[in-house]
C-alpha atoms as a PDB file:
ATOM      1  CA  UNK A   1      10.973 -35.266 -21.294  1.00  0.00           C
ATOM      2  CA  UNK A   2      10.839 -35.574 -17.504  1.00  0.00           C
ATOM      3  CA  UNK A   3       7.214 -35.251 -16.438  1.00  0.00           C
ATOM      4  CA  UNK A   4       7.586 -36.607 -12.896  1.00  0.00           C
ATOM      5  CA  UNK A   5       6.055 -34.499 -10.109  1.00  0.00           C
ATOM      6  CA  UNK A   6       6.748 -35.656  -6.557  1.00  0.00           C
ATOM      7  CA  UNK A   7       3.911 -36.472  -4.169  1.00  0.00           C
ATOM      8  CA  UNK A   8       3.854 -37.661  -0.531  1.00  0.00           C
ATOM      9  CA  UNK A   9       2.668 -41.130  -1.505  1.00  0.00           C
ATOM     10  CA  UNK A  10       5.806 -41.668  -3.592  1.00  0.00           C
ATOM     11  CA  UNK A  11       8.382 -40.911  -0.912  1.00  0.00           C
ATOM     12  CA  UNK A  12       9.953 -38.223   1.228  1.00  0.00           C
ATOM     13  CA  UNK A  13      11.338 -34.742   0.581  1.00  0.00           C
ATOM     14  CA  UNK A  14      14.735 -33.328   1.529  1.00  0.00           C
ATOM     15  CA  UNK A  15      15.219 -29.617   2.290  1.00  0.00           C
ATOM     16  CA  UNK A  16      18.648 -28.113   2.976  1.00  0.00           C
ATOM     17  CA  UNK A  17      19.148 -24.862   4.868  1.00  0.00           C
ATOM     18  CA  UNK A  18      16.023 -25.669   6.854  1.00  0.00           C
ATOM     19  CA  UNK A  19      16.949 -24.059  10.174  1.00  0.00           C
ATOM     20  CA  UNK A  20      15.634 -20.603   9.203  1.00  0.00           C
ATOM     21  CA  UNK A  21      14.061 -18.451   6.514  1.00  0.00           C
ATOM     22  CA  UNK A  22      12.612 -19.948   3.352  1.00  0.00           C
ATOM     23  CA  UNK A  23      13.951 -23.434   4.078  1.00  0.00           C
ATOM     24  CA  UNK A  24      12.269 -23.605   7.448  1.00  0.00           C
ATOM     25  CA  UNK A  25       8.955 -22.302   6.118  1.00  0.00           C
ATOM     26  CA  UNK A  26       9.068 -24.685   3.165  1.00  0.00           C
ATOM     27  CA  UNK A  27       9.768 -27.720   5.363  1.00  0.00           C
ATOM     28  CA  UNK A  28       6.692 -26.872   7.440  1.00  0.00           C
ATOM     29  CA  UNK A  29       4.594 -26.354   4.298  1.00  0.00           C
ATOM     30  CA  UNK A  30       5.673 -29.669   2.771  1.00  0.00           C
ATOM     31  CA  UNK A  31       4.942 -31.423   6.072  1.00  0.00           C
ATOM     32  CA  UNK A  32       1.480 -29.867   6.047  1.00  0.00           C
ATOM     33  CA  UNK A  33       1.035 -31.149   2.494  1.00  0.00           C
ATOM     34  CA  UNK A  34       1.734 -34.683   3.718  1.00  0.00           C
ATOM     35  CA  UNK A  35       5.423 -35.155   2.953  1.00  0.00           C
ATOM     36  CA  UNK A  36       7.828 -36.673   5.431  1.00  0.00           C
ATOM     37  CA  UNK A  37      10.635 -34.111   5.225  1.00  0.00           C
ATOM     38  CA  UNK A  38      14.321 -34.722   5.934  1.00  0.00           C
ATOM     39  CA  UNK A  39      15.817 -31.394   7.007  1.00  0.00           C
ATOM     40  CA  UNK A  40      19.483 -30.426   6.955  1.00  0.00           C
ATOM     41  CA  UNK A  41      21.435 -27.534   8.446  1.00  0.00           C
ATOM     42  CA  UNK A  42      24.342 -27.125  10.838  1.00  0.00           C
ATOM     43  CA  UNK A  43      22.209 -25.941  13.770  1.00  0.00           C
ATOM     44  CA  UNK A  44      20.894 -29.135  15.385  1.00  0.00           C
ATOM     45  CA  UNK A  45      18.837 -27.352  18.039  1.00  0.00           C
ATOM     46  CA  UNK A  46      16.915 -25.275  15.497  1.00  0.00           C
ATOM     47  CA  UNK A  47      16.160 -28.386  13.466  1.00  0.00           C
ATOM     48  CA  UNK A  48      14.821 -30.129  16.571  1.00  0.00           C
ATOM     49  CA  UNK A  49      12.615 -27.092  17.270  1.00  0.00           C
ATOM     50  CA  UNK A  50      11.370 -27.310  13.689  1.00  0.00           C
ATOM     51  CA  UNK A  51      10.644 -31.003  14.168  1.00  0.00           C
ATOM     52  CA  UNK A  52       8.447 -30.229  17.165  1.00  0.00           C
ATOM     53  CA  UNK A  53       6.552 -27.524  15.268  1.00  0.00           C
ATOM     54  CA  UNK A  54       5.672 -29.674  12.260  1.00  0.00           C
ATOM     55  CA  UNK A  55       1.912 -29.432  11.697  1.00  0.00           C
ATOM     56  CA  UNK A  56       1.634 -32.887  10.147  1.00  0.00           C
ATOM     57  CA  UNK A  57       0.419 -35.106   8.716  1.00  0.00           C
ATOM     58  CA  UNK A  58       4.000 -35.464   7.479  1.00  0.00           C
ATOM     59  CA  UNK A  59       6.840 -35.706   9.976  1.00  0.00           C
ATOM     60  CA  UNK A  60      10.180 -33.894  10.124  1.00  0.00           C
ATOM     61  CA  UNK A  61      13.327 -36.043  10.088  1.00  0.00           C
ATOM     62  CA  UNK A  62      16.417 -34.271  11.471  1.00  0.00           C
ATOM     63  CA  UNK A  63      19.627 -35.028   9.546  1.00  0.00           C
ATOM     64  CA  UNK A  64      21.931 -32.162  10.446  1.00  0.00           C
ATOM     65  CA  UNK A  65      25.129 -31.657   8.478  1.00  0.00           C
ATOM     66  CA  UNK A  66      27.426 -29.205   6.717  1.00  0.00           C
ATOM     67  CA  UNK A  67      26.767 -28.855   2.982  1.00  0.00           C
ATOM     68  CA  UNK A  68      30.328 -27.628   2.414  1.00  0.00           C
ATOM     69  CA  UNK A  69      31.537 -31.137   3.348  1.00  0.00           C
ATOM     70  CA  UNK A  70      30.816 -33.549   0.463  1.00  0.00           C
ATOM     71  CA  UNK A  71      31.303 -36.599   2.701  1.00  0.00           C
ATOM     72  CA  UNK A  72      28.673 -35.242   5.074  1.00  0.00           C
ATOM     73  CA  UNK A  73      26.158 -34.985   2.231  1.00  0.00           C
ATOM     74  CA  UNK A  74      26.979 -38.515   1.058  1.00  0.00           C
ATOM     75  CA  UNK A  75      26.306 -39.671   4.626  1.00  0.00           C
ATOM     76  CA  UNK A  76      22.941 -37.915   4.716  1.00  0.00           C
ATOM     77  CA  UNK A  77      21.818 -39.376   1.399  1.00  0.00           C
ATOM     78  CA  UNK A  78      22.876 -42.838   2.584  1.00  0.00           C
ATOM     79  CA  UNK A  79      20.846 -42.332   5.776  1.00  0.00           C
ATOM     80  CA  UNK A  80      17.808 -41.303   3.737  1.00  0.00           C
ATOM     81  CA  UNK A  81      18.125 -44.283   1.432  1.00  0.00           C
ATOM     82  CA  UNK A  82      18.811 -46.984   4.018  1.00  0.00           C
ATOM     83  CA  UNK A  83      16.926 -45.699   7.075  1.00  0.00           C
ATOM     84  CA  UNK A  84      14.065 -43.447   5.977  1.00  0.00           C
ATOM     85  CA  UNK A  85      12.898 -44.522   2.527  1.00  0.00           C
ATOM     86  CA  UNK A  86      12.769 -43.253  -1.030  1.00  0.00           C
ATOM     87  CA  UNK A  87      13.564 -39.585  -1.628  1.00  0.00           C
ATOM     88  CA  UNK A  88      11.400 -38.226  -4.438  1.00  0.00           C
ATOM     89  CA  UNK A  89      11.963 -34.497  -3.918  1.00  0.00           C
ATOM     90  CA  UNK A  90      15.078 -32.483  -3.050  1.00  0.00           C
ATOM     91  CA  UNK A  91      15.005 -28.720  -2.513  1.00  0.00           C
ATOM     92  CA  UNK A  92      18.612 -27.488  -2.363  1.00  0.00           C
ATOM     93  CA  UNK A  93      17.940 -24.262  -0.534  1.00  0.00           C
ATOM     94  CA  UNK A  94      20.949 -23.648   1.738  1.00  0.00           C
ATOM     95  CA  UNK A  95      22.865 -20.465   1.062  1.00  0.00           C
ATOM     96  CA  UNK A  96      24.468 -17.364   2.559  1.00  0.00           C
ATOM     97  CA  UNK A  97      24.420 -13.707   1.606  1.00  0.00           C
ATOM     98  CA  UNK A  98      27.440 -11.563   2.460  1.00  0.00           C
ATOM     99  CA  UNK A  99      27.243  -7.985   1.132  1.00  0.00           C
ATOM    100  CA  UNK A 100      30.260  -6.943  -0.931  1.00  0.00           C
ATOM    101  CA  UNK A 101      31.239  -3.318  -1.498  1.00  0.00           C
ATOM    102  CA  UNK A 102      33.655  -2.776  -4.366  1.00  0.00           C
ATOM    103  CA  UNK A 103      35.741  -0.276  -2.407  1.00  0.00           C
ATOM    104  CA  UNK A 104      36.021  -2.534   0.663  1.00  0.00           C
ATOM    105  CA  UNK A 105      36.382  -6.127  -0.580  1.00  0.00           C
ATOM    106  CA  UNK A 106      37.603  -9.139   1.385  1.00  0.00           C
ATOM    107  CA  UNK A 107      38.654 -12.455  -0.137  1.00  0.00           C
ATOM    108  CA  UNK A 108      36.997 -14.502   2.606  1.00  0.00           C
ATOM    109  CA  UNK A 109      33.582 -13.054   1.728  1.00  0.00           C
ATOM    110  CA  UNK A 110      33.877 -14.458  -1.789  1.00  0.00           C
ATOM    111  CA  UNK A 111      35.348 -17.771  -0.633  1.00  0.00           C
ATOM    112  CA  UNK A 112      32.627 -18.424   1.952  1.00  0.00           C
ATOM    113  CA  UNK A 113      29.852 -17.446  -0.463  1.00  0.00           C
ATOM    114  CA  UNK A 114      31.195 -19.714  -3.206  1.00  0.00           C
ATOM    115  CA  UNK A 115      31.798 -22.576  -0.746  1.00  0.00           C
ATOM    116  CA  UNK A 116      28.210 -22.569   0.517  1.00  0.00           C
ATOM    117  CA  UNK A 117      26.063 -21.366  -2.375  1.00  0.00           C
ATOM    118  CA  UNK A 118      27.820 -23.021  -5.301  1.00  0.00           C
ATOM    119  CA  UNK A 119      30.071 -25.834  -4.092  1.00  0.00           C
ATOM    120  CA  UNK A 120      27.656 -26.736  -1.297  1.00  0.00           C
ATOM    121  CA  UNK A 121      24.799 -27.081  -3.773  1.00  0.00           C
ATOM    122  CA  UNK A 122      26.932 -29.355  -5.959  1.00  0.00           C
ATOM    123  CA  UNK A 123      27.818 -31.445  -2.890  1.00  0.00           C
ATOM    124  CA  UNK A 124      24.088 -32.090  -2.396  1.00  0.00           C
ATOM    125  CA  UNK A 125      23.189 -32.389  -6.062  1.00  0.00           C
ATOM    126  CA  UNK A 126      25.570 -35.204  -6.977  1.00  0.00           C
ATOM    127  CA  UNK A 127      24.344 -37.797  -4.435  1.00  0.00           C
ATOM    128  CA  UNK A 128      20.721 -36.690  -4.924  1.00  0.00           C
ATOM    129  CA  UNK A 129      20.930 -37.341  -8.667  1.00  0.00           C
ATOM    130  CA  UNK A 130      22.557 -40.746  -8.116  1.00  0.00           C
ATOM    131  CA  UNK A 131      19.833 -41.640  -5.618  1.00  0.00           C
ATOM    132  CA  UNK A 132      17.092 -40.735  -8.089  1.00  0.00           C
ATOM    133  CA  UNK A 133      18.829 -42.273 -11.109  1.00  0.00           C
ATOM    134  CA  UNK A 134      18.722 -45.677  -9.446  1.00  0.00           C
ATOM    135  CA  UNK A 135      14.908 -45.400  -9.446  1.00  0.00           C
ATOM    136  CA  UNK A 136      14.513 -43.687 -12.792  1.00  0.00           C
ATOM    137  CA  UNK A 137      12.615 -40.708 -11.412  1.00  0.00           C
ATOM    138  CA  UNK A 138      12.776 -37.772  -9.016  1.00  0.00           C
ATOM    139  CA  UNK A 139      12.434 -34.018  -8.678  1.00  0.00           C
ATOM    140  CA  UNK A 140      15.150 -31.537  -7.699  1.00  0.00           C
ATOM    141  CA  UNK A 141      14.738 -27.788  -7.175  1.00  0.00           C
ATOM    142  CA  UNK A 142      17.781 -25.527  -6.833  1.00  0.00           C
ATOM    143  CA  UNK A 143      17.420 -22.257  -4.936  1.00  0.00           C
ATOM    144  CA  UNK A 144      18.881 -19.393  -6.925  1.00  0.00           C
ATOM    145  CA  UNK A 145      17.742 -15.755  -6.904  1.00  0.00           C
ATOM    146  CA  UNK A 146      16.760 -12.884  -9.173  1.00  0.00           C
ATOM    147  CA  UNK A 147      20.213 -11.484  -8.334  1.00  0.00           C
ATOM    148  CA  UNK A 148      21.433 -14.117 -10.782  1.00  0.00           C
ATOM    149  CA  UNK A 149      19.708 -12.263 -13.628  1.00  0.00           C
ATOM    150  CA  UNK A 150      22.146  -9.330 -13.524  1.00  0.00           C
ATOM    151  CA  UNK A 151      24.475  -7.347 -11.311  1.00  0.00           C
ATOM    152  CA  UNK A 152      22.946  -5.590  -8.296  1.00  0.00           C
ATOM    153  CA  UNK A 153      24.583  -3.429  -5.598  1.00  0.00           C
ATOM    154  CA  UNK A 154      26.424  -5.455  -2.884  1.00  0.00           C
ATOM    155  CA  UNK A 155      25.774  -8.758  -4.735  1.00  0.00           C
ATOM    156  CA  UNK A 156      29.165  -9.308  -6.378  1.00  0.00           C
ATOM    157  CA  UNK A 157      29.726 -12.618  -4.561  1.00  0.00           C
ATOM    158  CA  UNK A 158      26.126 -13.686  -3.954  1.00  0.00           C
ATOM    159  CA  UNK A 159      24.889 -12.801  -7.442  1.00  0.00           C
ATOM    160  CA  UNK A 160      27.840 -14.568  -9.063  1.00  0.00           C
ATOM    161  CA  UNK A 161      26.911 -17.832  -7.335  1.00  0.00           C
ATOM    162  CA  UNK A 162      23.236 -17.466  -8.201  1.00  0.00           C
ATOM    163  CA  UNK A 163      23.991 -16.770 -11.866  1.00  0.00           C
ATOM    164  CA  UNK A 164      26.174 -19.883 -11.877  1.00  0.00           C
ATOM    165  CA  UNK A 165      23.366 -21.961 -10.354  1.00  0.00           C
ATOM    166  CA  UNK A 166      20.892 -20.793 -13.004  1.00  0.00           C
ATOM    167  CA  UNK A 167      23.316 -21.677 -15.790  1.00  0.00           C
ATOM    168  CA  UNK A 168      24.153 -25.023 -14.165  1.00  0.00           C
ATOM    169  CA  UNK A 169      20.467 -25.955 -13.876  1.00  0.00           C
ATOM    170  CA  UNK A 170      19.772 -24.930 -17.471  1.00  0.00           C
ATOM    171  CA  UNK A 171      22.684 -27.050 -18.688  1.00  0.00           C
ATOM    172  CA  UNK A 172      21.846 -30.133 -16.615  1.00  0.00           C
ATOM    173  CA  UNK A 173      18.168 -30.097 -17.555  1.00  0.00           C
ATOM    174  CA  UNK A 174      18.867 -31.560 -21.006  1.00  0.00           C
ATOM    175  CA  UNK A 175      20.322 -34.766 -19.583  1.00  0.00           C
ATOM    176  CA  UNK A 176      18.252 -35.056 -16.410  1.00  0.00           C
ATOM    177  CA  UNK A 177      15.058 -34.868 -18.478  1.00  0.00           C
ATOM    178  CA  UNK A 178      16.200 -38.018 -20.262  1.00  0.00           C
ATOM    179  CA  UNK A 179      16.980 -39.673 -16.905  1.00  0.00           C
ATOM    180  CA  UNK A 180      13.431 -39.053 -15.647  1.00  0.00           C
ATOM    181  CA  UNK A 181      14.537 -36.408 -13.120  1.00  0.00           C
ATOM    182  CA  UNK A 182      12.639 -33.117 -13.186  1.00  0.00           C
ATOM    183  CA  UNK A 183      15.013 -30.225 -12.487  1.00  0.00           C
ATOM    184  CA  UNK A 184      13.760 -26.780 -11.484  1.00  0.00           C
ATOM    185  CA  UNK A 185      15.335 -23.494 -10.472  1.00  0.00           C
ATOM    186  CA  UNK A 186      13.787 -21.170  -7.873  1.00  0.00           C
ATOM    187  CA  UNK A 187      14.375 -17.432  -8.356  1.00  0.00           C
ATOM    188  CA  UNK A 188      12.643 -15.454  -5.609  1.00  0.00           C
ATOM    189  CA  UNK A 189      12.557 -11.705  -5.334  1.00  0.00           C
ATOM    190  CA  UNK A 190      13.122 -10.133  -1.916  1.00  0.00           C
ATOM    191  CA  UNK A 191      12.047 -12.340   1.005  1.00  0.00           C
ATOM    192  CA  UNK A 192      12.088 -11.130   4.602  1.00  0.00           C
ATOM    193  CA  UNK A 193      14.954 -13.163   6.096  1.00  0.00           C
ATOM    194  CA  UNK A 194      18.134 -12.599   8.093  1.00  0.00           C
ATOM    195  CA  UNK A 195      19.982 -12.318   4.772  1.00  0.00           C
ATOM    196  CA  UNK A 196      17.865  -9.518   3.308  1.00  0.00           C
ATOM    197  CA  UNK A 197      18.004  -7.690   6.645  1.00  0.00           C
ATOM    198  CA  UNK A 198      21.615  -6.869   5.677  1.00  0.00           C
ATOM    199  CA  UNK A 199      20.476  -4.839   2.664  1.00  0.00           C
ATOM    200  CA  UNK A 200      20.896  -1.095   3.030  1.00  0.00           C
ATOM    201  CA  UNK A 201      18.515  -0.196   0.201  1.00  0.00           C
ATOM    202  CA  UNK A 202      14.775  -0.328  -0.386  1.00  0.00           C
ATOM    203  CA  UNK A 203      13.479  -3.795  -1.305  1.00  0.00           C
ATOM    204  CA  UNK A 204      10.322  -3.618  -3.430  1.00  0.00           C
ATOM    205  CA  UNK A 205       7.701  -6.382  -3.262  1.00  0.00           C
ATOM    206  CA  UNK A 206       9.182  -7.812  -0.048  1.00  0.00           C
ATOM    207  CA  UNK A 207       7.300 -10.949   1.061  1.00  0.00           C
ATOM    208  CA  UNK A 208       7.375 -13.232   4.112  1.00  0.00           C
ATOM    209  CA  UNK A 209       9.104 -16.655   4.178  1.00  0.00           C
ATOM    210  CA  UNK A 210       5.688 -18.280   4.576  1.00  0.00           C
ATOM    211  CA  UNK A 211       4.378 -16.636   1.408  1.00  0.00           C
ATOM    212  CA  UNK A 212       7.546 -17.655  -0.408  1.00  0.00           C
ATOM    213  CA  UNK A 213       7.068 -21.248   0.776  1.00  0.00           C
ATOM    214  CA  UNK A 214       3.502 -21.231  -0.543  1.00  0.00           C
ATOM    215  CA  UNK A 215       4.684 -19.968  -3.946  1.00  0.00           C
ATOM    216  CA  UNK A 216       7.435 -22.602  -4.083  1.00  0.00           C
ATOM    217  CA  UNK A 217       5.081 -25.433  -3.086  1.00  0.00           C
ATOM    218  CA  UNK A 218       2.720 -24.396  -5.874  1.00  0.00           C
ATOM    219  CA  UNK A 219       5.592 -24.223  -8.356  1.00  0.00           C
ATOM    220  CA  UNK A 220       6.848 -27.666  -7.386  1.00  0.00           C
ATOM    221  CA  UNK A 221       3.445 -29.101  -8.227  1.00  0.00           C
ATOM    222  CA  UNK A 222       3.130 -27.231 -11.534  1.00  0.00           C
ATOM    223  CA  UNK A 223       6.405 -28.625 -12.791  1.00  0.00           C
ATOM    224  CA  UNK A 224       7.638 -25.598 -14.779  1.00  0.00           C
ATOM    225  CA  UNK A 225      11.413 -25.157 -15.003  1.00  0.00           C
ATOM    226  CA  UNK A 226      11.555 -21.763 -13.275  1.00  0.00           C
ATOM    227  CA  UNK A 227       9.709 -20.885 -10.082  1.00  0.00           C
ATOM    228  CA  UNK A 228       9.891 -17.096  -9.722  1.00  0.00           C
ATOM    229  CA  UNK A 229       7.907 -14.645  -7.616  1.00  0.00           C
ATOM    230  CA  UNK A 230       6.500 -12.067  -7.241  1.00  0.00           C
ATOM    231  CA  UNK A 231       6.367 -12.009 -11.018  1.00  0.00           C
ATOM    232  CA  UNK A 232       5.599  -8.315 -11.433  1.00  0.00           C
ATOM    233  CA  UNK A 233       8.958  -7.593  -9.800  1.00  0.00           C
ATOM    234  CA  UNK A 234      11.049 -10.505 -11.095  1.00  0.00           C
ATOM    235  CA  UNK A 235       9.916 -10.092 -14.686  1.00  0.00           C
ATOM    236  CA  UNK A 236      10.824  -6.407 -14.502  1.00  0.00           C
ATOM    237  CA  UNK A 237      14.389  -7.449 -13.635  1.00  0.00           C
ATOM    238  CA  UNK A 238      14.368  -9.887 -16.551  1.00  0.00           C
ATOM    239  CA  UNK A 239      13.360  -7.084 -18.904  1.00  0.00           C
ATOM    240  CA  UNK A 240      16.034  -4.751 -17.512  1.00  0.00           C
ATOM    241  CA  UNK A 241      18.728  -7.142 -18.742  1.00  0.00           C
ATOM    242  CA  UNK A 242      17.488  -6.672 -22.307  1.00  0.00           C
ATOM    243  CA  UNK A 243      18.435  -2.988 -22.147  1.00  0.00           C
ATOM    244  CA  UNK A 244      21.821  -1.555 -23.205  1.00  0.00           C
ATOM    245  CA  UNK A 245      24.240  -1.497 -20.271  1.00  0.00           C
ATOM    246  CA  UNK A 246      24.288   2.285 -20.117  1.00  0.00           C
ATOM    247  CA  UNK A 247      20.546   2.391 -19.549  1.00  0.00           C
ATOM    248  CA  UNK A 248      20.644  -0.637 -17.207  1.00  0.00           C
ATOM    249  CA  UNK A 249      23.170   0.965 -14.851  1.00  0.00           C
ATOM    250  CA  UNK A 250      21.406   4.334 -14.987  1.00  0.00           C
ATOM    251  CA  UNK A 251      18.046   2.809 -14.023  1.00  0.00           C
ATOM    252  CA  UNK A 252      19.522   0.703 -11.199  1.00  0.00           C
ATOM    253  CA  UNK A 253      21.420   3.694  -9.814  1.00  0.00           C
ATOM    254  CA  UNK A 254      18.262   5.779  -9.922  1.00  0.00           C
ATOM    255  CA  UNK A 255      16.067   3.082  -8.348  1.00  0.00           C
ATOM    256  CA  UNK A 256      18.477   2.363  -5.505  1.00  0.00           C
ATOM    257  CA  UNK A 257      20.035   5.828  -5.113  1.00  0.00           C
ATOM    258  CA  UNK A 258      23.362   4.009  -5.129  1.00  0.00           C
ATOM    259  CA  UNK A 259      25.410   6.585  -7.007  1.00  0.00           C
ATOM    260  CA  UNK A 260      24.787   9.233  -4.362  1.00  0.00           C
ATOM    261  CA  UNK A 261      25.731   7.003  -1.420  1.00  0.00           C
ATOM    262  CA  UNK A 262      29.035   7.458   0.404  1.00  0.00           C
ATOM    263  CA  UNK A 263      31.866   4.990  -0.075  1.00  0.00           C
ATOM    264  CA  UNK A 264      31.700   1.999   2.240  1.00  0.00           C
ATOM    265  CA  UNK A 265      35.285   2.104   3.564  1.00  0.00           C
ATOM    266  CA  UNK A 266      34.513   4.153   6.667  1.00  0.00           C
ATOM    267  CA  UNK A 267      31.284   2.317   7.364  1.00  0.00           C
ATOM    268  CA  UNK A 268      33.191  -0.976   7.251  1.00  0.00           C
ATOM    269  CA  UNK A 269      36.259   0.137   9.179  1.00  0.00           C
ATOM    270  CA  UNK A 270      35.149  -1.672  12.338  1.00  0.00           C
ATOM    271  CA  UNK A 271      34.505  -4.801  10.310  1.00  0.00           C
ATOM    272  CA  UNK A 272      38.009  -4.616   8.835  1.00  0.00           C
ATOM    273  CA  UNK A 273      39.578  -4.212  12.277  1.00  0.00           C
ATOM    274  CA  UNK A 274      37.616  -7.201  13.542  1.00  0.00           C
ATOM    275  CA  UNK A 275      38.972  -9.322  10.668  1.00  0.00           C
ATOM    276  CA  UNK A 276      42.554  -8.133  11.183  1.00  0.00           C
ATOM    277  CA  UNK A 277      43.434  -6.604  14.576  1.00  0.00           C
ATOM    278  CA  UNK A 278      46.757  -5.374  13.074  1.00  0.00           C
ATOM    279  CA  UNK A 279      44.983  -3.366  10.360  1.00  0.00           C
ATOM    280  CA  UNK A 280      45.659   0.361  10.501  1.00  0.00           C
END
């Protein structure tokens, strides 16, 4: 059983998707806790701004890259190993949320979501595991979401990737425990970010990225497999999935008012034209 819990004295942390939202807040929190934190995203300027805002005592190390490029992630892990020291903690946070309406679907929305959330996570996970295997210990946390528990409005692409990440983490835990690598999955409720700003429905128990970072930092230290918050909300969603589908869909429609909403085709007409100027 993997009982390793990372600490700043053991080595550095790596946070992907650190240019904004939860990733940014978590990098600052880990730096405050004493970790040197390697941060990755595509936006170099935002990472440099983050580096300057680090409260210390830990420092921020900028290693920008594209998680959808597996060679880029291999390069970053090599830079960590040969230039910056031992990585004891990896938080694979990077992800995108693109709302999907069943009556107005676009293939590229699914492809981009899968490329970043699922394939991008795997591109980071493989070299991170190899890095930790060589030392016989490490800690990896994968950012999923409560949308992975069950289907929610507009989450056809996003929720599919998050459900896959939960299942992947559950499956890998059996072997990574034996390798001395603690694997965790993070399933937040609604967090106030650019992604959730796209939601057109009420979001109960909405919290700030800073509060989410605090909850994650606490969960990383506790070592439990799942880090989920706020529990009153997330556990309600867990319980909903135990209900018969008829009751599940009825309750979700009632809570969100989704059944009474107009179809999305007209609302998304401008978006369709922007994708295809020849569309009529």
